[in-house]
Amino acid sequence: MSQEIRDLEPKALWNNFANLNAVPRPSKKEEHVVAFIKDFGKNLGLAVFEDEVHNIIIRKPATAGMENRKPIVLQGHLDMVHQKNAETIFDFDTQGIEMYVDGDWVRAKGTTLGADNGLGVAAIMAVLESKTLAHPAIEALFTVDEETGMTGAMNLNGGLLQGQILLNLDTEEDDEIDIGCAGGIDVTAEAEFDEEETPDYSVGYTITVRGLKGGHSGIDIHKGLGNANKIMNRLLYDGFDNFGLQISEIQGGSLRNAIPRESVAKVIIASVYDEAFVFDMQQIVAEIKNELKTTEPDLEIVFEKLKQTPATVMPSIAQYYFVRAMATAANGVHRMSADFDNLVETSNNIAKVILGKGKLSVQCLTRSSVESAKFDLANELRSAFELMGCEVEISGSYPGWTPNPESEILEVLVPIYEKLNGEKPKVVACHAGLECGILGANYPDIDMISFGPTIQGAHSPDERASIASSQKFWKFLVEILANIPVK
């Protein structure tokens, strides 16, 4: 690990982040990082508890003079989103993240950085090992599998936590204090079809959509970023209607909570249409690039003729309904909140499309801060894909976090932030999924708040964490700990 990361201030934060990032921690494969955190707590001589789903709780007593303050929970999630550039050779299951400093930013070499939520976890570790910080009794709650289902939070039993205030360290704008978030639900459409042999006198092409920014499907959904699966479908739709294009394979996107950056399709057309097809596609490519020139300046759409034409393709009638279902399916912002300025209420991310060998899978993540609207949009997506003959599963629902403007801890944080920074913070709700809403179901009496350092490009290889903001975040956390209300 680069020494330049360890030399950053505050050293307690960045050294723990460096140690954490040396440990592989994919969602649903957290055994290495769970063992790492357990050993960390035990080596400090603190009480360590692991529950049935491998959430970790580490308890640290109050410092002298703080015993009469309300006990608190410091909470973050151990897993990270795994995304890499196509040309990057990296094994997330075995390798630690390779980091470097770029001006005010810490970045990773061709992969996600893991600052979401690694910096929050590292801050909690720094508090646990500190011998000088003033703080009340602390429970450090490290949850698992936040990024692909909120499994840790969903399965945390009531009665384990003793804290009265929960500080979630998983937001990504350092001038915001979050008091609410969206809930989410997975929509998965699947179908099988009988492939047919590629007609004679056909030519094959690989179509590649790449160079998109990607990003967090909650926090970044309002930015007008390109979705590789929707862009690909525009090309397939036009090619099918005008030239009888048939699909052999599609591989688009990867994770539900990441806006898809790349999609690759193998297709065939009748050789008689070859020249006209290429000309027409270039016109559509120019139109798409012009539409996205501001938000996606690096977008590339490449057509490469295959040396060997695919042997089988999707039947025309199945493809007719598929490209129309994809065109119909909602993607991006569906509705803005009527209650909070500039807040997305409901959205969908068409995250992953896999087609080939007679099977189709389309995976979406639908979010909303209004529970009924979340299910309504999920049913809208269900309808679009059921009409083409798919079996649609709606699963993994988790609730949003209802804002509490009267929160006692909010009244503590706002003046502290203003004193430290000379301006008021933004008190907001966010469109990302935070674990607070889920945890609140089993711990309804805990007063919850969320804040964190500035992180940009989360869930993409462009993820970066601000060094100056990490210093601001650390000072804020330290001051909060020293000013927790009395019991």
Protein backbone atom coordinates (compact mmCIF):
# COMPACT_ATOMS: atom_id res chain seq x y z
CA MET A 1 0.00 0.00 0.00
CA SER A 2 1.36 3.40 -0.98
CA GLN A 3 2.96 5.28 1.90
CA GLU A 4 1.49 8.51 0.51
CA ILE A 5 -1.96 7.34 1.63
CA ARG A 6 -0.74 6.55 5.13
CA ASP A 7 0.91 9.97 5.42
CA LEU A 8 -2.37 11.82 4.82
CA GLU A 9 -4.07 13.65 7.67
CA PRO A 10 -5.80 12.61 9.80
CA LYS A 11 -3.43 9.66 9.97
CA ALA A 12 -5.73 7.67 12.26
CA LEU A 13 -8.42 7.71 9.55
CA TRP A 14 -6.25 7.07 6.50
CA ASN A 15 -4.13 4.35 8.09
CA ASN A 16 -7.24 2.41 9.06
CA PHE A 17 -8.64 2.95 5.57
CA ALA A 18 -5.41 1.62 4.05
CA ASN A 19 -5.54 -1.44 6.32
CA LEU A 20 -9.20 -2.03 5.46
CA ASN A 21 -8.62 -1.65 1.73
CA ALA A 22 -5.92 -4.31 1.83
CA VAL A 23 -8.65 -6.83 2.67
CA PRO A 24 -10.96 -8.20 -0.09
CA ARG A 25 -14.56 -7.34 0.79
CA PRO A 26 -17.06 -8.10 -1.98
CA SER A 27 -20.73 -8.07 -1.04
CA LYS A 28 -21.84 -11.54 0.04
CA LYS A 29 -18.18 -12.60 0.36
CA GLU A 30 -17.22 -10.69 3.50
CA GLU A 31 -15.57 -13.53 5.41
CA HIS A 32 -12.10 -11.95 5.17
CA VAL A 33 -13.19 -8.48 6.30
CA VAL A 34 -15.40 -9.89 9.06
CA ALA A 35 -12.40 -11.77 10.45
CA PHE A 36 -10.28 -8.62 10.08
CA ILE A 37 -12.72 -6.47 12.07
CA LYS A 38 -13.16 -9.11 14.78
CA ASP A 39 -9.39 -9.35 15.23
CA PHE A 40 -9.16 -5.56 15.28
CA GLY A 41 -11.60 -5.32 18.18
CA LYS A 42 -10.11 -8.22 20.12
CA ASN A 43 -6.59 -6.82 19.78
CA LEU A 44 -7.87 -3.63 21.41
CA GLY A 45 -9.21 -5.66 24.33
CA LEU A 46 -12.81 -4.69 23.53
CA ALA A 47 -15.97 -6.81 23.67
CA VAL A 48 -16.71 -8.25 20.21
CA PHE A 49 -19.96 -9.89 19.16
CA GLU A 50 -20.86 -11.56 15.83
CA ASP A 51 -24.50 -12.27 15.01
CA GLU A 52 -26.04 -15.00 12.84
CA VAL A 53 -25.55 -13.11 9.53
CA HIS A 54 -22.00 -11.96 10.46
CA ASN A 55 -22.72 -8.38 11.49
CA ILE A 56 -20.09 -7.33 14.04
CA ILE A 57 -20.71 -5.27 17.19
CA ILE A 58 -17.74 -3.92 19.16
CA ARG A 59 -18.39 -2.18 22.48
CA LYS A 60 -16.14 0.45 24.05
CA PRO A 61 -16.86 2.04 27.45
CA ALA A 62 -17.28 5.77 27.90
CA THR A 63 -14.19 7.84 28.61
CA ALA A 64 -13.76 9.43 32.03
CA GLY A 65 -16.38 12.11 32.69
CA MET A 66 -18.64 10.95 29.81
CA GLU A 67 -20.40 8.11 31.62
CA ASN A 68 -23.59 10.16 32.05
CA ARG A 69 -24.00 10.79 28.31
CA LYS A 70 -26.39 8.83 26.12
CA PRO A 71 -24.75 5.71 24.69
CA ILE A 72 -24.32 5.84 20.93
CA VAL A 73 -24.08 3.48 17.97
CA LEU A 74 -21.51 4.26 15.27
CA GLN A 75 -22.58 2.39 12.15
CA GLY A 76 -21.11 1.57 8.75
CA HIS A 77 -21.13 -1.32 6.28
CA LEU A 78 -18.16 -3.55 5.53
CA ASP A 79 -18.82 -4.50 1.90
CA MET A 80 -18.00 -2.44 -1.17
CA VAL A 81 -19.22 -2.24 -4.77
CA HIS A 82 -16.87 -3.98 -7.17
CA GLN A 83 -16.54 -2.26 -10.53
CA LYS A 84 -13.51 -2.04 -12.79
CA ASN A 85 -12.63 -0.68 -16.19
CA ALA A 86 -12.77 -3.27 -18.97
CA GLU A 87 -9.02 -3.10 -19.55
CA THR A 88 -8.14 -3.38 -15.84
CA ILE A 89 -6.90 -6.81 -14.72
CA PHE A 90 -7.97 -7.18 -11.10
CA ASP A 91 -9.42 -9.92 -8.87
CA PHE A 92 -11.65 -8.41 -6.20
CA ASP A 93 -11.85 -11.76 -4.38
CA THR A 94 -8.12 -11.90 -3.67
CA GLN A 95 -6.57 -8.44 -4.16
CA GLY A 96 -6.56 -5.30 -2.04
CA ILE A 97 -7.49 -1.98 -3.63
CA GLU A 98 -4.55 -0.12 -5.20
CA MET A 99 -4.81 3.56 -4.22
CA TYR A 100 -3.01 6.76 -5.16
CA VAL A 101 -3.22 10.50 -4.46
CA ASP A 102 -4.37 12.85 -7.22
CA GLY A 103 -4.33 16.41 -5.90
CA ASP A 104 -7.06 16.63 -3.26
CA TRP A 105 -8.42 13.22 -4.19
CA VAL A 106 -7.63 9.64 -3.28
CA ARG A 107 -8.42 7.32 -6.19
CA ALA A 108 -8.01 3.66 -7.13
CA LYS A 109 -6.16 2.29 -10.14
CA GLY A 110 -8.92 1.28 -12.54
CA THR A 111 -11.39 0.05 -9.88
CA THR A 112 -13.84 1.34 -7.35
CA LEU A 113 -12.09 2.83 -4.33
CA GLY A 114 -14.27 1.48 -1.53
CA ALA A 115 -14.55 4.85 0.19
CA ASP A 116 -18.25 3.95 0.20
CA ASN A 117 -18.40 2.93 3.06
CA GLY A 118 -14.75 2.28 3.84
CA LEU A 119 -14.05 5.79 5.09
CA GLY A 120 -16.97 5.54 7.52
CA VAL A 121 -15.72 2.17 8.76
CA ALA A 122 -12.17 3.53 9.08
CA ALA A 123 -13.45 6.49 11.12
CA ILE A 124 -15.20 4.11 13.52
CA MET A 125 -12.01 2.05 13.82
CA ALA A 126 -10.05 5.21 14.59
CA VAL A 127 -12.48 6.11 17.38
CA LEU A 128 -12.31 2.62 18.85
CA GLU A 129 -8.50 2.61 19.02
CA SER A 130 -8.14 6.20 20.26
CA LYS A 131 -6.91 6.81 23.80
CA THR A 132 -7.44 10.57 23.75
CA LEU A 133 -10.88 11.25 22.25
CA ALA A 134 -13.73 12.08 24.63
CA HIS A 135 -16.84 10.01 23.94
CA PRO A 136 -19.80 8.28 25.63
CA ALA A 137 -20.24 4.52 25.66
CA ILE A 138 -19.96 3.30 22.06
CA GLU A 139 -21.32 0.36 20.14
CA ALA A 140 -19.63 0.06 16.77
CA LEU A 141 -22.01 -1.72 14.40
CA PHE A 142 -20.41 -3.09 11.21
CA THR A 143 -23.05 -4.52 8.89
CA VAL A 144 -22.58 -6.86 5.93
CA ASP A 145 -24.00 -6.96 2.40
CA GLU A 146 -25.41 -3.44 2.34
CA GLU A 147 -24.73 -2.98 -1.34
CA THR A 148 -26.62 -5.98 -2.72
CA GLY A 149 -29.62 -6.38 -0.47
CA MET A 150 -29.12 -4.70 2.93
CA THR A 151 -28.91 -8.24 4.28
CA GLY A 152 -27.00 -7.32 7.44
CA ALA A 153 -29.37 -4.56 8.49
CA MET A 154 -32.46 -6.57 7.50
CA ASN A 155 -31.42 -9.46 9.73
CA LEU A 156 -30.11 -7.57 12.75
CA ASN A 157 -32.29 -8.73 15.62
CA GLY A 158 -33.92 -6.33 18.03
CA GLY A 159 -32.50 -6.19 21.54
CA LEU A 160 -28.81 -6.41 20.57
CA LEU A 161 -28.08 -2.68 20.52
CA GLN A 162 -28.07 -0.66 23.71
CA GLY A 163 -27.39 2.78 22.22
CA GLN A 164 -29.93 5.60 22.22
CA ILE A 165 -28.43 7.55 19.30
CA LEU A 166 -27.20 6.10 15.99
CA LEU A 167 -24.67 7.92 13.83
CA ASN A 168 -24.60 6.40 10.34
CA LEU A 169 -21.37 7.42 8.54
CA ASP A 170 -22.44 6.56 5.00
CA THR A 171 -23.37 9.75 3.14
CA GLU A 172 -21.24 11.37 0.47
CA GLU A 173 -21.55 15.18 0.69
CA ASP A 174 -19.76 16.78 3.62
CA ASP A 175 -22.08 19.79 3.81
CA GLU A 176 -25.19 17.62 4.26
CA ILE A 177 -26.81 16.02 7.28
CA ASP A 178 -29.22 13.30 6.20
CA ILE A 179 -32.43 12.64 8.09
CA GLY A 180 -34.19 10.39 5.56
CA CYS A 181 -33.63 8.13 2.55
CA ALA A 182 -35.36 6.10 -0.12
CA GLY A 183 -36.36 2.48 0.10
CA GLY A 184 -35.69 0.00 -2.67
CA ILE A 185 -36.87 -3.17 -4.36
CA ASP A 186 -35.41 -5.58 -6.92
CA VAL A 187 -37.29 -6.36 -10.13
CA THR A 188 -36.00 -9.35 -12.13
CA ALA A 189 -37.47 -10.41 -15.47
CA GLU A 190 -36.48 -13.78 -16.95
CA ALA A 191 -37.49 -15.71 -20.03
CA GLU A 192 -36.44 -18.68 -22.10
CA PHE A 193 -36.74 -19.03 -25.86
CA ASP A 194 -35.86 -21.54 -28.53
CA GLU A 195 -32.90 -20.22 -30.48
CA GLU A 196 -32.96 -20.55 -34.24
CA GLU A 197 -30.14 -21.10 -36.66
CA THR A 198 -28.60 -18.04 -38.23
CA PRO A 199 -29.95 -17.61 -41.79
CA ASP A 200 -27.62 -18.08 -44.72
CA TYR A 201 -26.02 -15.00 -46.25
CA SER A 202 -25.75 -13.23 -42.91
CA VAL A 203 -22.94 -11.09 -41.46
CA GLY A 204 -22.18 -10.67 -37.78
CA TYR A 205 -21.26 -7.61 -35.75
CA THR A 206 -20.19 -6.88 -32.21
CA ILE A 207 -21.74 -3.66 -30.93
CA THR A 208 -19.99 -2.13 -27.91
CA VAL A 209 -21.27 0.75 -25.78
CA ARG A 210 -18.54 2.01 -23.46
CA GLY A 211 -16.95 5.12 -21.94
CA LEU A 212 -19.98 6.06 -19.82
CA LYS A 213 -19.42 7.49 -16.35
CA GLY A 214 -21.71 5.11 -14.51
CA GLY A 215 -22.17 5.86 -10.84
CA HIS A 216 -24.50 5.29 -7.90
CA SER A 217 -28.00 4.39 -9.05
CA GLY A 218 -29.50 6.44 -6.21
CA ILE A 219 -27.24 9.43 -5.64
CA ASP A 220 -26.39 9.96 -9.33
CA ILE A 221 -29.70 8.97 -10.95
CA HIS A 222 -30.79 12.60 -11.49
CA LYS A 223 -27.65 13.65 -13.39
CA GLY A 224 -28.84 12.61 -16.84
CA LEU A 225 -26.09 10.03 -17.23
CA GLY A 226 -26.26 7.46 -19.99
CA ASN A 227 -27.47 3.93 -19.25
CA ALA A 228 -25.59 1.46 -21.45
CA ASN A 229 -28.51 -0.97 -21.55
CA LYS A 230 -30.97 1.64 -22.76
CA ILE A 231 -28.49 2.99 -25.32
CA MET A 232 -27.86 -0.51 -26.63
CA ASN A 233 -31.59 -1.15 -26.93
CA ARG A 234 -32.01 1.94 -29.11
CA LEU A 235 -29.50 0.51 -31.54
CA LEU A 236 -31.07 -2.95 -31.50
CA TYR A 237 -34.58 -1.54 -31.86
CA ASP A 238 -33.69 0.46 -34.96
CA GLY A 239 -31.57 -2.31 -36.47
CA PHE A 240 -34.38 -4.82 -36.00
CA ASP A 241 -37.15 -2.62 -37.40
CA ASN A 242 -35.20 -1.38 -40.42
CA PHE A 243 -32.87 -4.24 -41.29
CA GLY A 244 -34.16 -7.36 -39.56
CA LEU A 245 -31.21 -7.42 -37.14
CA GLN A 246 -31.25 -10.47 -34.87
CA ILE A 247 -29.53 -10.77 -31.49
CA SER A 248 -27.22 -13.61 -30.56
CA GLU A 249 -25.86 -12.31 -27.23
CA ILE A 250 -26.01 -9.30 -24.89
CA GLN A 251 -23.87 -8.64 -21.82
CA GLY A 252 -24.79 -5.29 -20.29
CA GLY A 253 -24.06 -3.84 -16.84
CA SER A 254 -23.13 -5.68 -13.66
CA LEU A 255 -24.62 -4.59 -10.33
CA ARG A 256 -28.13 -3.37 -9.54
CA ASN A 257 -26.93 -0.33 -7.63
CA ALA A 258 -24.51 0.84 -10.35
CA ILE A 259 -25.66 2.73 -13.43
CA PRO A 260 -24.42 0.47 -16.27
CA ARG A 261 -21.36 1.82 -18.05
CA GLU A 262 -20.85 -0.83 -20.72
CA SER A 263 -22.87 -3.17 -22.90
CA VAL A 264 -21.73 -5.60 -25.59
CA ALA A 265 -24.01 -7.33 -28.10
CA LYS A 266 -23.38 -9.83 -30.88
CA VAL A 267 -25.88 -9.51 -33.72
CA ILE A 268 -26.43 -10.57 -37.32
CA ILE A 269 -28.04 -8.94 -40.36
CA ALA A 270 -28.62 -10.09 -43.90
CA SER A 271 -25.49 -9.38 -45.93
CA VAL A 272 -27.55 -7.48 -48.51
CA TYR A 273 -28.21 -4.79 -45.86
CA ASP A 274 -24.61 -4.54 -44.64
CA GLU A 275 -23.68 -1.18 -46.11
CA ALA A 276 -27.04 0.45 -45.39
CA PHE A 277 -27.01 -0.88 -41.81
CA VAL A 278 -23.60 0.60 -41.03
CA PHE A 279 -24.62 3.97 -42.51
CA ASP A 280 -27.89 4.06 -40.56
CA MET A 281 -26.22 3.05 -37.30
CA GLN A 282 -23.66 5.82 -37.59
CA GLN A 283 -26.46 8.35 -37.89
CA ILE A 284 -28.10 7.01 -34.71
CA VAL A 285 -24.76 6.97 -32.91
CA ALA A 286 -24.26 10.64 -33.82
CA GLU A 287 -27.71 11.48 -32.47
CA ILE A 288 -27.10 9.66 -29.17
CA LYS A 289 -23.70 11.27 -28.72
CA ASN A 290 -25.19 14.68 -29.40
CA GLU A 291 -27.92 14.09 -26.82
CA LEU A 292 -25.35 13.09 -24.18
CA LYS A 293 -22.47 15.36 -25.20
CA THR A 294 -22.60 17.33 -21.94
CA THR A 295 -23.09 14.50 -19.45
CA GLU A 296 -21.20 11.74 -21.29
CA PRO A 297 -18.40 13.31 -23.37
CA ASP A 298 -16.39 10.06 -23.46
CA LEU A 299 -19.19 7.84 -24.78
CA GLU A 300 -18.05 5.40 -27.46
CA ILE A 301 -20.26 3.18 -29.62
CA VAL A 302 -18.22 0.79 -31.74
CA PHE A 303 -19.28 -1.63 -34.50
CA GLU A 304 -16.86 -4.42 -35.38
CA LYS A 305 -17.56 -7.05 -38.04
CA LEU A 306 -17.18 -10.59 -36.73
CA LYS A 307 -14.87 -12.99 -38.50
CA GLN A 308 -17.26 -15.81 -37.65
CA THR A 309 -21.00 -15.24 -37.74
CA PRO A 310 -22.86 -16.49 -34.62
CA ALA A 311 -24.46 -19.88 -35.17
CA THR A 312 -27.77 -19.12 -33.42
CA VAL A 313 -29.94 -16.07 -32.77
CA MET A 314 -33.05 -15.00 -30.91
CA PRO A 315 -36.22 -15.61 -32.97
CA SER A 316 -37.66 -12.50 -34.60
CA ILE A 317 -40.99 -12.63 -32.78
CA ALA A 318 -39.32 -12.94 -29.36
CA GLN A 319 -36.95 -10.13 -30.25
CA TYR A 320 -39.85 -7.94 -31.41
CA TYR A 321 -41.35 -8.06 -27.92
CA PHE A 322 -37.99 -7.85 -26.13
CA VAL A 323 -36.78 -4.59 -27.70
CA ARG A 324 -40.20 -3.05 -27.15
CA ALA A 325 -40.34 -4.13 -23.52
CA MET A 326 -36.88 -2.62 -22.99
CA ALA A 327 -37.95 0.59 -24.71
CA THR A 328 -41.09 0.77 -22.54
CA ALA A 329 -39.38 -0.01 -19.22
CA ALA A 330 -38.85 3.08 -17.09
CA ASN A 331 -35.27 4.09 -16.41
CA GLY A 332 -33.90 7.07 -14.51
CA VAL A 333 -35.96 9.60 -12.57
CA HIS A 334 -39.64 8.67 -12.50
CA ARG A 335 -40.93 11.38 -10.15
CA MET A 336 -39.47 14.22 -8.11
CA SER A 337 -40.53 14.72 -4.50
CA ALA A 338 -43.38 17.12 -3.86
CA ASP A 339 -42.24 17.57 -0.26
CA PHE A 340 -38.48 18.21 -0.57
CA ASP A 341 -36.85 20.53 -3.09
CA ASN A 342 -34.57 18.86 -5.65
CA LEU A 343 -35.08 15.38 -4.19
CA VAL A 344 -35.81 12.42 -6.44
CA GLU A 345 -38.82 10.58 -5.06
CA THR A 346 -38.98 7.52 -7.34
CA SER A 347 -36.54 6.06 -9.88
CA ASN A 348 -35.47 2.89 -11.62
CA ASN A 349 -32.12 1.59 -12.83
CA ILE A 350 -32.13 -1.03 -15.60
CA ALA A 351 -28.91 -2.39 -14.24
CA LYS A 352 -28.10 -5.64 -15.99
CA VAL A 353 -29.16 -7.37 -19.20
CA ILE A 354 -27.94 -10.86 -20.09
CA LEU A 355 -29.16 -12.61 -23.23
CA GLY A 356 -27.84 -15.75 -24.89
CA LYS A 357 -28.17 -19.53 -25.19
CA GLY A 358 -31.94 -19.29 -25.12
CA LYS A 359 -32.17 -17.31 -21.89
CA LEU A 360 -32.88 -13.67 -21.00
CA SER A 361 -32.43 -11.86 -17.68
CA VAL A 362 -33.13 -8.19 -16.98
CA GLN A 363 -32.31 -6.90 -13.48
CA CYS A 364 -33.57 -3.59 -12.10
CA LEU A 365 -33.35 -1.67 -8.84
CA THR A 366 -36.37 0.52 -8.12
CA ARG A 367 -36.15 3.19 -5.41
CA SER A 368 -38.63 5.53 -3.77
CA SER A 369 -39.07 7.51 -0.59
CA VAL A 370 -42.80 6.72 -0.87
CA GLU A 371 -43.49 3.05 -0.21
CA SER A 372 -46.62 2.85 -2.37
CA ALA A 373 -44.87 4.59 -5.27
CA LYS A 374 -42.01 2.08 -5.04
CA PHE A 375 -44.37 -0.85 -5.55
CA ASP A 376 -46.35 1.01 -8.22
CA LEU A 377 -43.25 1.51 -10.37
CA ALA A 378 -42.16 -2.08 -9.72
CA ASN A 379 -45.55 -3.25 -11.01
CA GLU A 380 -45.20 -0.99 -14.04
CA LEU A 381 -41.91 -2.71 -14.86
CA ARG A 382 -43.47 -6.10 -14.16
CA SER A 383 -46.20 -5.32 -16.66
CA ALA A 384 -43.77 -4.29 -19.41
CA PHE A 385 -41.84 -7.56 -19.15
CA GLU A 386 -44.78 -9.86 -18.47
CA LEU A 387 -46.37 -8.65 -21.72
CA MET A 388 -43.36 -10.07 -23.59
CA GLY A 389 -43.73 -13.39 -21.77
CA CYS A 390 -41.21 -13.00 -18.95
CA GLU A 391 -41.54 -14.41 -15.48
CA VAL A 392 -41.06 -11.42 -13.19
CA GLU A 393 -39.91 -11.62 -9.57
CA ILE A 394 -40.24 -8.66 -7.22
CA SER A 395 -38.01 -9.21 -4.18
CA GLY A 396 -35.60 -7.73 -1.66
CA SER A 397 -37.85 -4.86 -0.60
CA TYR A 398 -36.45 -2.63 2.10
CA PRO A 399 -38.10 0.44 3.61
CA GLY A 400 -37.09 4.04 3.38
CA TRP A 401 -36.18 6.17 6.36
CA THR A 402 -38.89 8.67 7.26
CA PRO A 403 -37.38 12.09 8.11
CA ASN A 404 -37.69 13.37 11.68
CA PRO A 405 -37.07 17.14 11.64
CA GLU A 406 -37.52 17.18 15.45
CA SER A 407 -34.57 14.84 16.07
CA GLU A 408 -32.66 15.66 19.27
CA ILE A 409 -29.30 14.70 17.78
CA LEU A 410 -30.02 16.88 14.74
CA GLU A 411 -30.29 19.84 17.13
CA VAL A 412 -26.82 18.94 18.40
CA LEU A 413 -25.19 18.50 14.99
CA VAL A 414 -26.40 21.66 13.27
CA PRO A 415 -24.78 24.19 15.67
CA ILE A 416 -21.57 22.13 15.86
CA TYR A 417 -21.30 22.14 12.06
CA GLU A 418 -21.99 25.87 11.93
CA LYS A 419 -19.37 26.58 14.62
CA LEU A 420 -16.71 24.54 12.83
CA ASN A 421 -17.44 25.72 9.27
CA GLY A 422 -19.00 29.17 9.53
CA GLU A 423 -22.16 28.18 7.68
CA LYS A 424 -25.26 26.09 8.22
CA PRO A 425 -25.33 22.52 6.89
CA LYS A 426 -27.95 21.31 4.45
CA VAL A 427 -30.45 19.15 6.29
CA VAL A 428 -31.70 16.76 3.64
CA ALA A 429 -33.18 13.43 2.72
CA CYS A 430 -31.37 11.44 0.02
CA HIS A 431 -32.40 9.09 -2.77
CA ALA A 432 -29.78 6.50 -1.87
CA GLY A 433 -30.63 3.54 0.33
CA LEU A 434 -29.27 3.95 3.85
CA GLU A 435 -29.56 1.29 6.50
CA CYS A 436 -31.22 3.68 8.97
CA GLY A 437 -34.76 2.94 7.81
CA ILE A 438 -34.23 -0.80 8.15
CA LEU A 439 -32.50 -0.55 11.53
CA GLY A 440 -35.27 1.73 12.75
CA ALA A 441 -37.84 -1.03 12.21
CA ASN A 442 -36.31 -3.11 15.03
CA TYR A 443 -35.06 -0.12 17.03
CA PRO A 444 -37.82 2.47 16.71
CA ASP A 445 -36.66 4.49 19.72
CA ILE A 446 -33.11 5.16 18.48
CA ASP A 447 -32.55 8.72 17.30
CA MET A 448 -30.72 8.43 13.94
CA ILE A 449 -28.69 10.77 11.76
CA SER A 450 -26.31 10.26 8.82
CA PHE A 451 -23.30 12.22 7.57
CA GLY A 452 -19.94 11.59 5.93
CA PRO A 453 -17.06 12.95 3.83
CA THR A 454 -17.35 13.99 0.20
CA ILE A 455 -17.08 11.01 -2.15
CA GLN A 456 -17.68 11.36 -5.88
CA GLY A 457 -18.32 8.69 -8.52
CA ALA A 458 -19.30 6.01 -6.01
CA HIS A 459 -20.07 2.60 -7.54
CA SER A 460 -17.81 3.32 -10.52
CA PRO A 461 -14.06 3.19 -11.22
CA ASP A 462 -14.14 6.99 -11.09
CA GLU A 463 -14.85 6.84 -7.34
CA ARG A 464 -12.71 9.33 -5.44
CA ALA A 465 -12.56 10.69 -1.90
CA SER A 466 -11.64 14.25 -1.00
CA ILE A 467 -8.69 14.56 1.37
CA ALA A 468 -9.72 18.00 2.64
CA SER A 469 -13.26 16.75 3.20
CA SER A 470 -12.03 13.76 5.19
CA GLN A 471 -10.30 16.20 7.55
CA LYS A 472 -13.51 18.23 7.84
CA PHE A 473 -15.53 15.05 8.46
CA TRP A 474 -13.14 13.82 11.15
CA LYS A 475 -13.20 17.12 13.06
CA PHE A 476 -16.99 17.09 12.90
CA LEU A 477 -17.21 13.54 14.24
CA VAL A 478 -14.77 14.22 17.07
CA GLU A 479 -16.74 17.30 18.16
CA ILE A 480 -20.04 15.41 18.01
CA LEU A 481 -18.70 12.64 20.23
CA ALA A 482 -17.65 15.18 22.83
CA ASN A 483 -21.09 16.81 22.85
CA ILE A 484 -23.53 13.91 23.04
CA PRO A 485 -26.47 14.87 25.33
CA VAL A 486 -26.76 13.55 28.86
CA LYS A 487 -29.08 10.62 29.55
